[in-house]
Amino acid sequence: MLLSTLTSNGQATIPVDIRHALSLKTGDKIIFKIHKHEAIITKAEPFDELYHVALSHTLSEWDSPEDDEAYHDL
């Protein structure tokens, strides 16, 4: 078990063993999930904004008012 102390600002240091296990480095993004009253910490994968912007232009096939109406309840 690893222990860290919560500051008055709601911050805590991630223990070095956890940082090593998740290959966390300064500036990395982390994700917190709650599962049955437990917190799960995972490393967020980098988001390639340029790739997603380029990809978004290929997705117009389903971008019509008819599609919005057909799939609005999904």
PDB file of N, CA and C in Angstrom:
ATOM      1  N   MET A   1       0.843  -1.173   0.000  1.00  0.00           N
ATOM      2  CA  MET A   1       0.000   0.000   0.000  1.00  0.00           C
ATOM      3  C   MET A   1       0.890   1.238   0.000  1.00  0.00           C
ATOM      4  N   LEU A   2       0.517   2.228  -0.775  1.00  0.00           N
ATOM      5  CA  LEU A   2       1.267   3.481  -0.851  1.00  0.00           C
ATOM      6  C   LEU A   2       0.386   4.597  -0.297  1.00  0.00           C
ATOM      7  N   LEU A   3       1.000   5.548   0.379  1.00  0.00           N
ATOM      8  CA  LEU A   3       0.263   6.596   1.074  1.00  0.00           C
ATOM      9  C   LEU A   3       0.701   7.971   0.601  1.00  0.00           C
ATOM     10  N   SER A   4      -0.266   8.871   0.462  1.00  0.00           N
ATOM     11  CA  SER A   4       0.000  10.267   0.136  1.00  0.00           C
ATOM     12  C   SER A   4      -0.960  11.110   0.963  1.00  0.00           C
ATOM     13  N   THR A   5      -0.611  12.362   1.190  1.00  0.00           N
ATOM     14  CA  THR A   5      -1.432  13.245   2.012  1.00  0.00           C
ATOM     15  C   THR A   5      -2.117  14.288   1.135  1.00  0.00           C
ATOM     16  N   LEU A   6      -3.392  14.519   1.371  1.00  0.00           N
ATOM     17  CA  LEU A   6      -4.161  15.504   0.628  1.00  0.00           C
ATOM     18  C   LEU A   6      -3.925  16.888   1.223  1.00  0.00           C
ATOM     19  N   THR A   7      -3.604  17.860   0.367  1.00  0.00           N
ATOM     20  CA  THR A   7      -3.380  19.228   0.840  1.00  0.00           C
ATOM     21  C   THR A   7      -4.711  19.963   0.943  1.00  0.00           C
ATOM     22  N   SER A   8      -4.673  21.170   1.492  1.00  0.00           N
ATOM     23  CA  SER A   8      -5.891  21.975   1.611  1.00  0.00           C
ATOM     24  C   SER A   8      -6.429  22.388   0.243  1.00  0.00           C
ATOM     25  N   ASN A   9      -5.605  22.321  -0.790  1.00  0.00           N
ATOM     26  CA  ASN A   9      -6.037  22.619  -2.160  1.00  0.00           C
ATOM     27  C   ASN A   9      -6.539  21.385  -2.898  1.00  0.00           C
ATOM     28  N   GLY A  10      -6.650  20.259  -2.202  1.00  0.00           N
ATOM     29  CA  GLY A  10      -7.122  19.028  -2.835  1.00  0.00           C
ATOM     30  C   GLY A  10      -6.077  18.339  -3.677  1.00  0.00           C
ATOM     31  N   GLN A  11      -4.810  18.623  -3.457  1.00  0.00           N
ATOM     32  CA  GLN A  11      -3.730  18.031  -4.236  1.00  0.00           C
ATOM     33  C   GLN A  11      -3.028  16.953  -3.417  1.00  0.00           C
ATOM     34  N   ALA A  12      -2.479  15.984  -4.114  1.00  0.00           N
ATOM     35  CA  ALA A  12      -1.695  14.926  -3.481  1.00  0.00           C
ATOM     36  C   ALA A  12      -0.561  14.546  -4.422  1.00  0.00           C
ATOM     37  N   THR A  13       0.547  14.135  -3.858  1.00  0.00           N
ATOM     38  CA  THR A  13       1.673  13.659  -4.661  1.00  0.00           C
ATOM     39  C   THR A  13       1.427  12.195  -5.014  1.00  0.00           C
ATOM     40  N   ILE A  14       1.622  11.869  -6.284  1.00  0.00           N
ATOM     41  CA  ILE A  14       1.516  10.472  -6.705  1.00  0.00           C
ATOM     42  C   ILE A  14       2.828   9.797  -6.330  1.00  0.00           C
ATOM     43  N   PRO A  15       2.781   8.745  -5.531  1.00  0.00           N
ATOM     44  CA  PRO A  15       4.014   8.089  -5.096  1.00  0.00           C
ATOM     45  C   PRO A  15       4.872   7.628  -6.278  1.00  0.00           C
ATOM     46  N   VAL A  16       6.171   7.653  -6.074  1.00  0.00           N
ATOM     47  CA  VAL A  16       7.124   7.359  -7.146  1.00  0.00           C
ATOM     48  C   VAL A  16       6.896   5.963  -7.740  1.00  0.00           C
ATOM     49  N   ASP A  17       6.540   4.975  -6.930  1.00  0.00           N
ATOM     50  CA  ASP A  17       6.302   3.631  -7.478  1.00  0.00           C
ATOM     51  C   ASP A  17       5.131   3.635  -8.460  1.00  0.00           C
ATOM     52  N   ILE A  18       4.109   4.431  -8.171  1.00  0.00           N
ATOM     53  CA  ILE A  18       2.967   4.542  -9.084  1.00  0.00           C
ATOM     54  C   ILE A  18       3.388   5.275 -10.358  1.00  0.00           C
ATOM     55  N   ARG A  19       4.133   6.361 -10.206  1.00  0.00           N
ATOM     56  CA  ARG A  19       4.611   7.104 -11.378  1.00  0.00           C
ATOM     57  C   ARG A  19       5.444   6.214 -12.284  1.00  0.00           C
ATOM     58  N   HIS A  20       6.309   5.404 -11.699  1.00  0.00           N
ATOM     59  CA  HIS A  20       7.136   4.497 -12.514  1.00  0.00           C
ATOM     60  C   HIS A  20       6.275   3.429 -13.189  1.00  0.00           C
ATOM     61  N   ALA A  21       5.336   2.863 -12.432  1.00  0.00           N
ATOM     62  CA  ALA A  21       4.484   1.798 -12.986  1.00  0.00           C
ATOM     63  C   ALA A  21       3.654   2.289 -14.167  1.00  0.00           C
ATOM     64  N   LEU A  22       3.231   3.563 -14.113  1.00  0.00           N
ATOM     65  CA  LEU A  22       2.417   4.128 -15.192  1.00  0.00           C
ATOM     66  C   LEU A  22       3.244   4.917 -16.205  1.00  0.00           C
ATOM     67  N   SER A  23       4.569   4.935 -16.018  1.00  0.00           N
ATOM     68  CA  SER A  23       5.477   5.716 -16.888  1.00  0.00           C
ATOM     69  C   SER A  23       5.044   7.179 -16.967  1.00  0.00           C
ATOM     70  N   LEU A  24       4.704   7.758 -15.817  1.00  0.00           N
ATOM     71  CA  LEU A  24       4.273   9.143 -15.765  1.00  0.00           C
ATOM     72  C   LEU A  24       5.474  10.080 -15.702  1.00  0.00           C
ATOM     73  N   LYS A  25       5.380  11.153 -16.466  1.00  0.00           N
ATOM     74  CA  LYS A  25       6.410  12.183 -16.468  1.00  0.00           C
ATOM     75  C   LYS A  25       5.741  13.540 -16.253  1.00  0.00           C
ATOM     76  N   THR A  26       6.529  14.525 -15.892  1.00  0.00           N
ATOM     77  CA  THR A  26       6.013  15.878 -15.699  1.00  0.00           C
ATOM     78  C   THR A  26       5.238  16.327 -16.935  1.00  0.00           C
ATOM     79  N   GLY A  27       4.052  16.834 -16.729  1.00  0.00           N
ATOM     80  CA  GLY A  27       3.218  17.322 -17.828  1.00  0.00           C
ATOM     81  C   GLY A  27       2.249  16.298 -18.376  1.00  0.00           C
ATOM     82  N   ASP A  28       2.410  15.008 -18.010  1.00  0.00           N
ATOM     83  CA  ASP A  28       1.480  13.988 -18.485  1.00  0.00           C
ATOM     84  C   ASP A  28       0.091  14.241 -17.905  1.00  0.00           C
ATOM     85  N   LYS A  29      -0.922  13.850 -18.651  1.00  0.00           N
ATOM     86  CA  LYS A  29      -2.306  13.930 -18.190  1.00  0.00           C
ATOM     87  C   LYS A  29      -2.685  12.585 -17.577  1.00  0.00           C
ATOM     88  N   ILE A  30      -3.469  12.640 -16.496  1.00  0.00           N
ATOM     89  CA  ILE A  30      -3.941  11.408 -15.871  1.00  0.00           C
ATOM     90  C   ILE A  30      -5.462  11.437 -15.784  1.00  0.00           C
ATOM     91  N   ILE A  31      -6.042  10.264 -15.767  1.00  0.00           N
ATOM     92  CA  ILE A  31      -7.492  10.103 -15.724  1.00  0.00           C
ATOM     93  C   ILE A  31      -7.861   9.470 -14.395  1.00  0.00           C
ATOM     94  N   PHE A  32      -8.887  10.020 -13.758  1.00  0.00           N
ATOM     95  CA  PHE A  32      -9.413   9.453 -12.525  1.00  0.00           C
ATOM     96  C   PHE A  32     -10.779   8.863 -12.819  1.00  0.00           C
ATOM     97  N   LYS A  33     -10.995   7.620 -12.414  1.00  0.00           N
ATOM     98  CA  LYS A  33     -12.296   6.967 -12.548  1.00  0.00           C
ATOM     99  C   LYS A  33     -12.714   6.467 -11.174  1.00  0.00           C
ATOM    100  N   ILE A  34     -13.997   6.518 -10.895  1.00  0.00           N
ATOM    101  CA  ILE A  34     -14.543   5.994  -9.647  1.00  0.00           C
ATOM    102  C   ILE A  34     -15.211   4.659  -9.962  1.00  0.00           C
ATOM    103  N   HIS A  35     -14.867   3.632  -9.208  1.00  0.00           N
ATOM    104  CA  HIS A  35     -15.473   2.314  -9.376  1.00  0.00           C
ATOM    105  C   HIS A  35     -15.693   1.710  -7.993  1.00  0.00           C
ATOM    106  N   LYS A  36     -16.951   1.571  -7.622  1.00  0.00           N
ATOM    107  CA  LYS A  36     -17.308   0.973  -6.323  1.00  0.00           C
ATOM    108  C   LYS A  36     -16.545   1.627  -5.171  1.00  0.00           C
ATOM    109  N   HIS A  37     -16.631   2.941  -5.086  1.00  0.00           N
ATOM    110  CA  HIS A  37     -16.011   3.713  -3.999  1.00  0.00           C
ATOM    111  C   HIS A  37     -14.488   3.633  -3.978  1.00  0.00           C
ATOM    112  N   GLU A  38     -13.884   3.314  -5.113  1.00  0.00           N
ATOM    113  CA  GLU A  38     -12.428   3.313  -5.235  1.00  0.00           C
ATOM    114  C   GLU A  38     -12.048   4.190  -6.425  1.00  0.00           C
ATOM    115  N   ALA A  39     -10.915   4.858  -6.300  1.00  0.00           N
ATOM    116  CA  ALA A  39     -10.415   5.681  -7.399  1.00  0.00           C
ATOM    117  C   ALA A  39      -9.397   4.887  -8.198  1.00  0.00           C
ATOM    118  N   ILE A  40      -9.525   4.958  -9.505  1.00  0.00           N
ATOM    119  CA  ILE A  40      -8.593   4.293 -10.410  1.00  0.00           C
ATOM    120  C   ILE A  40      -7.871   5.388 -11.190  1.00  0.00           C
ATOM    121  N   ILE A  41      -6.555   5.346 -11.206  1.00  0.00           N
ATOM    122  CA  ILE A  41      -5.745   6.336 -11.918  1.00  0.00           C
ATOM    123  C   ILE A  41      -5.097   5.662 -13.117  1.00  0.00           C
ATOM    124  N   THR A  42      -5.251   6.277 -14.283  1.00  0.00           N
ATOM    125  CA  THR A  42      -4.603   5.773 -15.489  1.00  0.00           C
ATOM    126  C   THR A  42      -3.942   6.937 -16.222  1.00  0.00           C
ATOM    127  N   LYS A  43      -2.959   6.620 -17.011  1.00  0.00           N
ATOM    128  CA  LYS A  43      -2.282   7.631 -17.826  1.00  0.00           C
ATOM    129  C   LYS A  43      -3.125   7.888 -19.069  1.00  0.00           C
ATOM    130  N   ALA A  44      -3.389   9.164 -19.358  1.00  0.00           N
ATOM    131  CA  ALA A  44      -4.131   9.525 -20.558  1.00  0.00           C
ATOM    132  C   ALA A  44      -3.197   9.477 -21.753  1.00  0.00           C
ATOM    133  N   GLU A  45      -3.669   8.889 -22.825  1.00  0.00           N
ATOM    134  CA  GLU A  45      -2.871   8.857 -24.044  1.00  0.00           C
ATOM    135  C   GLU A  45      -2.913  10.235 -24.691  1.00  0.00           C
ATOM    136  N   PRO A  46      -1.816  10.651 -25.290  1.00  0.00           N
ATOM    137  CA  PRO A  46      -1.792  11.980 -25.922  1.00  0.00           C
ATOM    138  C   PRO A  46      -2.867  12.105 -26.994  1.00  0.00           C
ATOM    139  N   PHE A  47      -3.450  13.277 -27.089  1.00  0.00           N
ATOM    140  CA  PHE A  47      -4.480  13.564 -28.085  1.00  0.00           C
ATOM    141  C   PHE A  47      -3.828  14.289 -29.253  1.00  0.00           C
ATOM    142  N   ASP A  48      -3.893  13.705 -30.415  1.00  0.00           N
ATOM    143  CA  ASP A  48      -3.299  14.296 -31.616  1.00  0.00           C
ATOM    144  C   ASP A  48      -4.360  15.161 -32.299  1.00  0.00           C
ATOM    145  N   GLU A  49      -4.391  16.435 -31.940  1.00  0.00           N
ATOM    146  CA  GLU A  49      -5.429  17.333 -32.440  1.00  0.00           C
ATOM    147  C   GLU A  49      -5.388  17.486 -33.958  1.00  0.00           C
ATOM    148  N   LEU A  50      -4.207  17.605 -34.540  1.00  0.00           N
ATOM    149  CA  LEU A  50      -4.107  17.762 -35.998  1.00  0.00           C
ATOM    150  C   LEU A  50      -4.680  16.553 -36.729  1.00  0.00           C
ATOM    151  N   TYR A  51      -4.421  15.361 -36.210  1.00  0.00           N
ATOM    152  CA  TYR A  51      -4.961  14.144 -36.823  1.00  0.00           C
ATOM    153  C   TYR A  51      -6.490  14.163 -36.774  1.00  0.00           C
ATOM    154  N   HIS A  52      -7.053  14.525 -35.617  1.00  0.00           N
ATOM    155  CA  HIS A  52      -8.505  14.524 -35.475  1.00  0.00           C
ATOM    156  C   HIS A  52      -9.166  15.609 -36.321  1.00  0.00           C
ATOM    157  N   VAL A  53      -8.517  16.736 -36.457  1.00  0.00           N
ATOM    158  CA  VAL A  53      -9.049  17.784 -37.333  1.00  0.00           C
ATOM    159  C   VAL A  53      -9.053  17.284 -38.780  1.00  0.00           C
ATOM    160  N   ALA A  54      -7.965  16.667 -39.212  1.00  0.00           N
ATOM    161  CA  ALA A  54      -7.892  16.135 -40.572  1.00  0.00           C
ATOM    162  C   ALA A  54      -8.934  15.037 -40.780  1.00  0.00           C
ATOM    163  N   LEU A  55      -9.116  14.203 -39.793  1.00  0.00           N
ATOM    164  CA  LEU A  55     -10.079  13.101 -39.896  1.00  0.00           C
ATOM    165  C   LEU A  55     -11.512  13.614 -39.937  1.00  0.00           C
ATOM    166  N   SER A  56     -11.799  14.678 -39.216  1.00  0.00           N
ATOM    167  CA  SER A  56     -13.179  15.171 -39.125  1.00  0.00           C
ATOM    168  C   SER A  56     -13.745  15.551 -40.492  1.00  0.00           C
ATOM    169  N   HIS A  57     -12.888  15.975 -41.409  1.00  0.00           N
ATOM    170  CA  HIS A  57     -13.361  16.351 -42.742  1.00  0.00           C
ATOM    171  C   HIS A  57     -13.833  15.137 -43.542  1.00  0.00           C
ATOM    172  N   THR A  58     -13.451  13.949 -43.150  1.00  0.00           N
ATOM    173  CA  THR A  58     -13.869  12.743 -43.871  1.00  0.00           C
ATOM    174  C   THR A  58     -15.170  12.178 -43.312  1.00  0.00           C
ATOM    175  N   LEU A  59     -15.698  12.764 -42.251  1.00  0.00           N
ATOM    176  CA  LEU A  59     -16.880  12.205 -41.590  1.00  0.00           C
ATOM    177  C   LEU A  59     -18.177  12.911 -41.968  1.00  0.00           C
ATOM    178  N   SER A  60     -18.146  13.720 -42.996  1.00  0.00           N
ATOM    179  CA  SER A  60     -19.338  14.474 -43.382  1.00  0.00           C
ATOM    180  C   SER A  60     -20.398  13.588 -44.026  1.00  0.00           C
ATOM    181  N   GLU A  61     -20.069  12.368 -44.308  1.00  0.00           N
ATOM    182  CA  GLU A  61     -21.014  11.442 -44.934  1.00  0.00           C
ATOM    183  C   GLU A  61     -22.308  11.332 -44.137  1.00  0.00           C
ATOM    184  N   TRP A  62     -22.211  11.412 -42.806  1.00  0.00           N
ATOM    185  CA  TRP A  62     -23.390  11.263 -41.950  1.00  0.00           C
ATOM    186  C   TRP A  62     -23.784  12.577 -41.287  1.00  0.00           C
ATOM    187  N   ASP A  63     -23.442  13.675 -41.905  1.00  0.00           N
ATOM    188  CA  ASP A  63     -23.698  14.980 -41.318  1.00  0.00           C
ATOM    189  C   ASP A  63     -24.793  15.694 -42.094  1.00  0.00           C
ATOM    190  N   SER A  64     -26.009  15.231 -41.902  1.00  0.00           N
ATOM    191  CA  SER A  64     -27.134  15.870 -42.585  1.00  0.00           C
ATOM    192  C   SER A  64     -28.310  15.949 -41.610  1.00  0.00           C
ATOM    193  N   PRO A  65     -29.253  16.816 -41.867  1.00  0.00           N
ATOM    194  CA  PRO A  65     -30.450  16.879 -41.015  1.00  0.00           C
ATOM    195  C   PRO A  65     -31.201  15.545 -40.975  1.00  0.00           C
ATOM    196  N   GLU A  66     -31.202  14.839 -42.091  1.00  0.00           N
ATOM    197  CA  GLU A  66     -31.870  13.533 -42.131  1.00  0.00           C
ATOM    198  C   GLU A  66     -31.194  12.529 -41.189  1.00  0.00           C
ATOM    199  N   ASP A  67     -29.880  12.540 -41.183  1.00  0.00           N
ATOM    200  CA  ASP A  67     -29.145  11.660 -40.270  1.00  0.00           C
ATOM    201  C   ASP A  67     -29.382  12.048 -38.816  1.00  0.00           C
ATOM    202  N   ASP A  68     -29.379  13.354 -38.548  1.00  0.00           N
ATOM    203  CA  ASP A  68     -29.658  13.816 -37.189  1.00  0.00           C
ATOM    204  C   ASP A  68     -31.024  13.316 -36.729  1.00  0.00           C
ATOM    205  N   GLU A  69     -32.002  13.395 -37.591  1.00  0.00           N
ATOM    206  CA  GLU A  69     -33.357  12.936 -37.238  1.00  0.00           C
ATOM    207  C   GLU A  69     -33.376  11.418 -37.057  1.00  0.00           C
ATOM    208  N   ALA A  70     -32.728  10.698 -37.941  1.00  0.00           N
ATOM    209  CA  ALA A  70     -32.764   9.237 -37.892  1.00  0.00           C
ATOM    210  C   ALA A  70     -32.062   8.686 -36.652  1.00  0.00           C
ATOM    211  N   TYR A  71     -31.004   9.366 -36.190  1.00  0.00           N
ATOM    212  CA  TYR A  71     -30.188   8.819 -35.108  1.00  0.00           C
ATOM    213  C   TYR A  71     -30.243   9.668 -33.832  1.00  0.00           C
ATOM    214  N   HIS A  72     -31.201  10.559 -33.703  1.00  0.00           N
ATOM    215  CA  HIS A  72     -31.234  11.469 -32.555  1.00  0.00           C
ATOM    216  C   HIS A  72     -31.389  10.769 -31.218  1.00  0.00           C
ATOM    217  N   ASP A  73     -31.969   9.579 -31.221  1.00  0.00           N
ATOM    218  CA  ASP A  73     -32.236   8.900 -29.938  1.00  0.00           C
ATOM    219  C   ASP A  73     -31.165   7.887 -29.559  1.00  0.00           C
ATOM    220  N   LEU A  74     -30.073   7.855 -30.264  1.00  0.00           N
ATOM    221  CA  LEU A  74     -28.993   6.899 -29.930  1.00  0.00           C
ATOM    222  C   LEU A  74     -28.090   7.429 -28.863  1.00  0.00           C
TER     223      LEU A  74
END
